């Protein structure tokens, strides 16, 4: 069973790199990748699906990754 993941980072290059890693892993399933932390928070808070892992930047404009 794959762990579900979401990627949130304001740097598109980092999002792309982490997304590629997740897509290459049979143990991880990507549910979404976002460069806008506010949009990601809206999706995360409204989803009924379980999210196992959140890959996030700690310093983003408008929102802390913590």
PDB file of N, CA and C in Angstrom:
ATOM      1  N   UNK A   1       0.845  -1.186   0.000  1.00  0.00           N
ATOM      2  CA  UNK A   1       0.000   0.000   0.000  1.00  0.00           C
ATOM      3  C   UNK A   1       0.887   1.245   0.000  1.00  0.00           C
ATOM      4  N   UNK A   2       0.627   2.143  -0.918  1.00  0.00           N
ATOM      5  CA  UNK A   2       1.424   3.361  -1.058  1.00  0.00           C
ATOM      6  C   UNK A   2       0.959   4.435  -0.073  1.00  0.00           C
ATOM      7  N   UNK A   3       1.919   5.198   0.423  1.00  0.00           N
ATOM      8  CA  UNK A   3       1.612   6.333   1.290  1.00  0.00           C
ATOM      9  C   UNK A   3       1.233   7.527   0.421  1.00  0.00           C
ATOM     10  N   UNK A   4       0.174   8.236   0.784  1.00  0.00           N
ATOM     11  CA  UNK A   4      -0.264   9.393   0.008  1.00  0.00           C
ATOM     12  C   UNK A   4       0.540  10.622   0.412  1.00  0.00           C
ATOM     13  N   UNK A   5       0.871  11.453  -0.572  1.00  0.00           N
ATOM     14  CA  UNK A   5       1.744  12.608  -0.353  1.00  0.00           C
ATOM     15  C   UNK A   5       1.197  13.858  -1.032  1.00  0.00           C
ATOM     16  N   UNK A   6       1.552  15.003  -0.457  1.00  0.00           N
ATOM     17  CA  UNK A   6       1.322  16.301  -1.078  1.00  0.00           C
ATOM     18  C   UNK A   6       2.623  17.084  -0.962  1.00  0.00           C
ATOM     19  N   UNK A   7       2.953  17.831  -2.005  1.00  0.00           N
ATOM     20  CA  UNK A   7       4.161  18.656  -2.027  1.00  0.00           C
ATOM     21  C   UNK A   7       3.742  20.122  -2.052  1.00  0.00           C
ATOM     22  N   UNK A   8       4.336  20.928  -1.149  1.00  0.00           N
ATOM     23  CA  UNK A   8       4.054  22.362  -1.101  1.00  0.00           C
ATOM     24  C   UNK A   8       5.377  23.108  -0.971  1.00  0.00           C
ATOM     25  N   UNK A   9       5.700  23.907  -1.957  1.00  0.00           N
ATOM     26  CA  UNK A   9       6.915  24.726  -1.923  1.00  0.00           C
ATOM     27  C   UNK A   9       6.728  25.872  -2.902  1.00  0.00           C
ATOM     28  N   UNK A  10       7.213  27.051  -2.537  1.00  0.00           N
ATOM     29  CA  UNK A  10       7.068  28.201  -3.429  1.00  0.00           C
ATOM     30  C   UNK A  10       8.078  28.182  -4.574  1.00  0.00           C
ATOM     31  N   UNK A  11       9.035  27.271  -4.543  1.00  0.00           N
ATOM     32  CA  UNK A  11      10.029  27.145  -5.606  1.00  0.00           C
ATOM     33  C   UNK A  11       9.593  26.029  -6.564  1.00  0.00           C
ATOM     34  N   UNK A  12       9.210  26.374  -7.792  1.00  0.00           N
ATOM     35  CA  UNK A  12       8.731  25.360  -8.745  1.00  0.00           C
ATOM     36  C   UNK A  12       9.755  24.262  -9.032  1.00  0.00           C
ATOM     37  N   UNK A  13      11.043  24.605  -9.005  1.00  0.00           N
ATOM     38  CA  UNK A  13      12.086  23.609  -9.261  1.00  0.00           C
ATOM     39  C   UNK A  13      12.075  22.537  -8.166  1.00  0.00           C
ATOM     40  N   UNK A  14      11.932  22.945  -6.912  1.00  0.00           N
ATOM     41  CA  UNK A  14      11.895  21.995  -5.798  1.00  0.00           C
ATOM     42  C   UNK A  14      10.656  21.109  -5.905  1.00  0.00           C
ATOM     43  N   UNK A  15       9.521  21.708  -6.229  1.00  0.00           N
ATOM     44  CA  UNK A  15       8.287  20.930  -6.398  1.00  0.00           C
ATOM     45  C   UNK A  15       8.489  19.877  -7.477  1.00  0.00           C
ATOM     46  N   UNK A  16       9.111  20.259  -8.579  1.00  0.00           N
ATOM     47  CA  UNK A  16       9.355  19.328  -9.678  1.00  0.00           C
ATOM     48  C   UNK A  16      10.269  18.186  -9.242  1.00  0.00           C
ATOM     49  N   UNK A  17      11.329  18.510  -8.508  1.00  0.00           N
ATOM     50  CA  UNK A  17      12.277  17.480  -8.077  1.00  0.00           C
ATOM     51  C   UNK A  17      11.637  16.484  -7.114  1.00  0.00           C
ATOM     52  N   UNK A  18      10.898  16.973  -6.128  1.00  0.00           N
ATOM     53  CA  UNK A  18      10.252  16.079  -5.168  1.00  0.00           C
ATOM     54  C   UNK A  18       9.164  15.254  -5.858  1.00  0.00           C
ATOM     55  N   UNK A  19       8.440  15.881  -6.777  1.00  0.00           N
ATOM     56  CA  UNK A  19       7.400  15.174  -7.532  1.00  0.00           C
ATOM     57  C   UNK A  19       7.994  14.032  -8.344  1.00  0.00           C
ATOM     58  N   UNK A  20       9.127  14.277  -8.980  1.00  0.00           N
ATOM     59  CA  UNK A  20       9.790  13.223  -9.753  1.00  0.00           C
ATOM     60  C   UNK A  20      10.202  12.065  -8.853  1.00  0.00           C
ATOM     61  N   UNK A  21      10.719  12.382  -7.667  1.00  0.00           N
ATOM     62  CA  UNK A  21      11.114  11.333  -6.733  1.00  0.00           C
ATOM     63  C   UNK A  21       9.896  10.503  -6.314  1.00  0.00           C
ATOM     64  N   UNK A  22       8.814  11.170  -5.985  1.00  0.00           N
ATOM     65  CA  UNK A  22       7.594  10.470  -5.566  1.00  0.00           C
ATOM     66  C   UNK A  22       7.075   9.580  -6.683  1.00  0.00           C
ATOM     67  N   UNK A  23       7.062  10.087  -7.903  1.00  0.00           N
ATOM     68  CA  UNK A  23       6.560   9.314  -9.042  1.00  0.00           C
ATOM     69  C   UNK A  23       7.419   8.086  -9.345  1.00  0.00           C
ATOM     70  N   UNK A  24       8.691   8.125  -8.965  1.00  0.00           N
ATOM     71  CA  UNK A  24       9.583   6.984  -9.183  1.00  0.00           C
ATOM     72  C   UNK A  24       9.461   5.933  -8.086  1.00  0.00           C
ATOM     73  N   UNK A  25       8.821   6.272  -6.994  1.00  0.00           N
ATOM     74  CA  UNK A  25       8.703   5.355  -5.867  1.00  0.00           C
ATOM     75  C   UNK A  25       7.384   4.592  -5.931  1.00  0.00           C
ATOM     76  N   UNK A  26       7.469   3.295  -5.756  1.00  0.00           N
ATOM     77  CA  UNK A  26       6.246   2.492  -5.739  1.00  0.00           C
ATOM     78  C   UNK A  26       5.547   2.567  -4.384  1.00  0.00           C
ATOM     79  N   UNK A  27       6.204   3.147  -3.394  1.00  0.00           N
ATOM     80  CA  UNK A  27       5.643   3.229  -2.044  1.00  0.00           C
ATOM     81  C   UNK A  27       4.973   4.573  -1.746  1.00  0.00           C
ATOM     82  N   UNK A  28       5.027   5.498  -2.703  1.00  0.00           N
ATOM     83  CA  UNK A  28       4.444   6.822  -2.519  1.00  0.00           C
ATOM     84  C   UNK A  28       3.453   7.123  -3.638  1.00  0.00           C
ATOM     85  N   UNK A  29       2.342   7.789  -3.292  1.00  0.00           N
ATOM     86  CA  UNK A  29       1.328   8.182  -4.280  1.00  0.00           C
ATOM     87  C   UNK A  29       1.086   9.681  -4.132  1.00  0.00           C
ATOM     88  N   UNK A  30       1.352  10.422  -5.187  1.00  0.00           N
ATOM     89  CA  UNK A  30       1.200  11.876  -5.166  1.00  0.00           C
ATOM     90  C   UNK A  30      -0.264  12.274  -5.311  1.00  0.00           C
ATOM     91  N   UNK A  31      -0.756  13.050  -4.342  1.00  0.00           N
ATOM     92  CA  UNK A  31      -2.139  13.549  -4.393  1.00  0.00           C
ATOM     93  C   UNK A  31      -2.196  14.968  -4.938  1.00  0.00           C
ATOM     94  N   UNK A  32      -1.082  15.695  -4.882  1.00  0.00           N
ATOM     95  CA  UNK A  32      -1.060  17.051  -5.397  1.00  0.00           C
ATOM     96  C   UNK A  32       0.278  17.705  -5.150  1.00  0.00           C
ATOM     97  N   UNK A  33       0.586  18.705  -5.981  1.00  0.00           N
ATOM     98  CA  UNK A  33       1.826  19.477  -5.857  1.00  0.00           C
ATOM     99  C   UNK A  33       1.480  20.944  -6.081  1.00  0.00           C
ATOM    100  N   UNK A  34       1.922  21.801  -5.160  1.00  0.00           N
ATOM    101  CA  UNK A  34       1.497  23.198  -5.174  1.00  0.00           C
ATOM    102  C   UNK A  34       2.674  24.136  -4.953  1.00  0.00           C
ATOM    103  N   UNK A  35       2.669  25.263  -5.683  1.00  0.00           N
ATOM    104  CA  UNK A  35       3.635  26.334  -5.438  1.00  0.00           C
ATOM    105  C   UNK A  35       2.984  27.480  -4.671  1.00  0.00           C
ATOM    106  N   UNK A  36       1.685  27.438  -4.531  1.00  0.00           N
ATOM    107  CA  UNK A  36       0.946  28.442  -3.769  1.00  0.00           C
ATOM    108  C   UNK A  36       0.510  27.799  -2.443  1.00  0.00           C
ATOM    109  N   UNK A  37       1.121  28.205  -1.321  1.00  0.00           N
ATOM    110  CA  UNK A  37       0.787  27.547  -0.048  1.00  0.00           C
ATOM    111  C   UNK A  37      -0.655  27.771   0.412  1.00  0.00           C
ATOM    112  N   UNK A  38      -1.247  28.908   0.069  1.00  0.00           N
ATOM    113  CA  UNK A  38      -2.628  29.182   0.454  1.00  0.00           C
ATOM    114  C   UNK A  38      -3.579  28.241  -0.289  1.00  0.00           C
ATOM    115  N   UNK A  39      -3.347  28.055  -1.579  1.00  0.00           N
ATOM    116  CA  UNK A  39      -4.165  27.128  -2.367  1.00  0.00           C
ATOM    117  C   UNK A  39      -4.007  25.702  -1.848  1.00  0.00           C
ATOM    118  N   UNK A  40      -2.790  25.321  -1.489  1.00  0.00           N
ATOM    119  CA  UNK A  40      -2.550  23.984  -0.950  1.00  0.00           C
ATOM    120  C   UNK A  40      -3.295  23.790   0.365  1.00  0.00           C
ATOM    121  N   UNK A  41      -3.262  24.795   1.229  1.00  0.00           N
ATOM    122  CA  UNK A  41      -3.955  24.701   2.513  1.00  0.00           C
ATOM    123  C   UNK A  41      -5.456  24.525   2.321  1.00  0.00           C
ATOM    124  N   UNK A  42      -6.018  25.214   1.355  1.00  0.00           N
ATOM    125  CA  UNK A  42      -7.453  25.072   1.071  1.00  0.00           C
ATOM    126  C   UNK A  42      -7.780  23.644   0.638  1.00  0.00           C
ATOM    127  N   UNK A  43      -6.940  23.076  -0.221  1.00  0.00           N
ATOM    128  CA  UNK A  43      -7.166  21.707  -0.698  1.00  0.00           C
ATOM    129  C   UNK A  43      -6.989  20.718   0.455  1.00  0.00           C
ATOM    130  N   UNK A  44      -5.937  20.894   1.241  1.00  0.00           N
ATOM    131  CA  UNK A  44      -5.661  19.984   2.353  1.00  0.00           C
ATOM    132  C   UNK A  44      -6.795  20.014   3.377  1.00  0.00           C
ATOM    133  N   UNK A  45      -7.275  21.195   3.695  1.00  0.00           N
ATOM    134  CA  UNK A  45      -8.317  21.299   4.722  1.00  0.00           C
ATOM    135  C   UNK A  45      -9.688  20.821   4.225  1.00  0.00           C
ATOM    136  N   UNK A  46      -9.890  20.793   2.918  1.00  0.00           N
ATOM    137  CA  UNK A  46     -11.198  20.389   2.395  1.00  0.00           C
ATOM    138  C   UNK A  46     -11.252  18.933   1.929  1.00  0.00           C
ATOM    139  N   UNK A  47     -10.114  18.262   1.879  1.00  0.00           N
ATOM    140  CA  UNK A  47     -10.114  16.888   1.384  1.00  0.00           C
ATOM    141  C   UNK A  47     -10.588  15.919   2.465  1.00  0.00           C
ATOM    142  N   UNK A  48     -11.267  14.893   2.023  1.00  0.00           N
ATOM    143  CA  UNK A  48     -11.695  13.842   2.939  1.00  0.00           C
ATOM    144  C   UNK A  48     -10.744  12.649   2.872  1.00  0.00           C
ATOM    145  N   UNK A  49      -9.799  12.709   1.928  1.00  0.00           N
ATOM    146  CA  UNK A  49      -8.815  11.638   1.789  1.00  0.00           C
ATOM    147  C   UNK A  49      -7.699  11.809   2.821  1.00  0.00           C
ATOM    148  N   UNK A  50      -7.193  10.707   3.300  1.00  0.00           N
ATOM    149  CA  UNK A  50      -6.096  10.723   4.255  1.00  0.00           C
ATOM    150  C   UNK A  50      -4.795  11.101   3.557  1.00  0.00           C
ATOM    151  N   UNK A  51      -4.033  12.015   4.156  1.00  0.00           N
ATOM    152  CA  UNK A  51      -2.724  12.410   3.641  1.00  0.00           C
ATOM    153  C   UNK A  51      -1.689  11.891   4.637  1.00  0.00           C
ATOM    154  N   UNK A  52      -0.806  11.020   4.153  1.00  0.00           N
ATOM    155  CA  UNK A  52       0.187  10.417   5.035  1.00  0.00           C
ATOM    156  C   UNK A  52       1.429  11.287   5.211  1.00  0.00           C
ATOM    157  N   UNK A  53       1.894  11.905   4.124  1.00  0.00           N
ATOM    158  CA  UNK A  53       3.133  12.678   4.162  1.00  0.00           C
ATOM    159  C   UNK A  53       2.918  14.028   3.476  1.00  0.00           C
ATOM    160  N   UNK A  54       3.388  15.074   4.124  1.00  0.00           N
ATOM    161  CA  UNK A  54       3.358  16.419   3.541  1.00  0.00           C
ATOM    162  C   UNK A  54       4.794  16.897   3.400  1.00  0.00           C
ATOM    163  N   UNK A  55       5.251  17.039   2.161  1.00  0.00           N
ATOM    164  CA  UNK A  55       6.562  17.606   1.891  1.00  0.00           C
ATOM    165  C   UNK A  55       6.363  19.117   1.743  1.00  0.00           C
ATOM    166  N   UNK A  56       6.923  19.906   2.653  1.00  0.00           N
ATOM    167  CA  UNK A  56       6.668  21.338   2.627  1.00  0.00           C
ATOM    168  C   UNK A  56       7.923  22.150   2.935  1.00  0.00           C
ATOM    169  N   UNK A  57       7.969  23.323   2.359  1.00  0.00           N
ATOM    170  CA  UNK A  57       9.002  24.308   2.652  1.00  0.00           C
ATOM    171  C   UNK A  57       8.635  24.972   3.978  1.00  0.00           C
ATOM    172  N   UNK A  58       9.625  25.327   4.778  1.00  0.00           N
ATOM    173  CA  UNK A  58       9.342  25.987   6.053  1.00  0.00           C
ATOM    174  C   UNK A  58       9.135  27.485   5.903  1.00  0.00           C
ATOM    175  N   UNK A  59       9.760  28.085   4.906  1.00  0.00           N
ATOM    176  CA  UNK A  59       9.654  29.534   4.701  1.00  0.00           C
ATOM    177  C   UNK A  59       9.024  29.831   3.345  1.00  0.00           C
ATOM    178  N   UNK A  60       7.732  30.178   3.375  1.00  0.00           N
ATOM    179  CA  UNK A  60       7.016  30.511   2.150  1.00  0.00           C
ATOM    180  C   UNK A  60       6.297  31.844   2.350  1.00  0.00           C
ATOM    181  N   UNK A  61       6.069  32.565   1.265  1.00  0.00           N
ATOM    182  CA  UNK A  61       5.352  33.832   1.405  1.00  0.00           C
ATOM    183  C   UNK A  61       3.905  33.614   1.832  1.00  0.00           C
ATOM    184  N   UNK A  62       3.508  34.287   2.893  1.00  0.00           N
ATOM    185  CA  UNK A  62       2.129  34.239   3.338  1.00  0.00           C
ATOM    186  C   UNK A  62       1.788  33.117   4.278  1.00  0.00           C
ATOM    187  N   UNK A  63       2.686  32.128   4.440  1.00  0.00           N
ATOM    188  CA  UNK A  63       2.358  30.991   5.284  1.00  0.00           C
ATOM    189  C   UNK A  63       3.628  30.248   5.667  1.00  0.00           C
ATOM    190  N   UNK A  64       3.717  29.847   6.923  1.00  0.00           N
ATOM    191  CA  UNK A  64       4.831  29.046   7.397  1.00  0.00           C
ATOM    192  C   UNK A  64       4.561  27.574   7.114  1.00  0.00           C
ATOM    193  N   UNK A  65       5.574  26.829   6.765  1.00  0.00           N
ATOM    194  CA  UNK A  65       5.430  25.406   6.539  1.00  0.00           C
ATOM    195  C   UNK A  65       5.179  24.622   7.806  1.00  0.00           C
ATOM    196  N   UNK A  66       5.422  25.253   8.958  1.00  0.00           N
ATOM    197  CA  UNK A  66       5.153  24.569  10.211  1.00  0.00           C
ATOM    198  C   UNK A  66       3.686  24.564  10.504  1.00  0.00           C
TER     199      UNK A  66
END
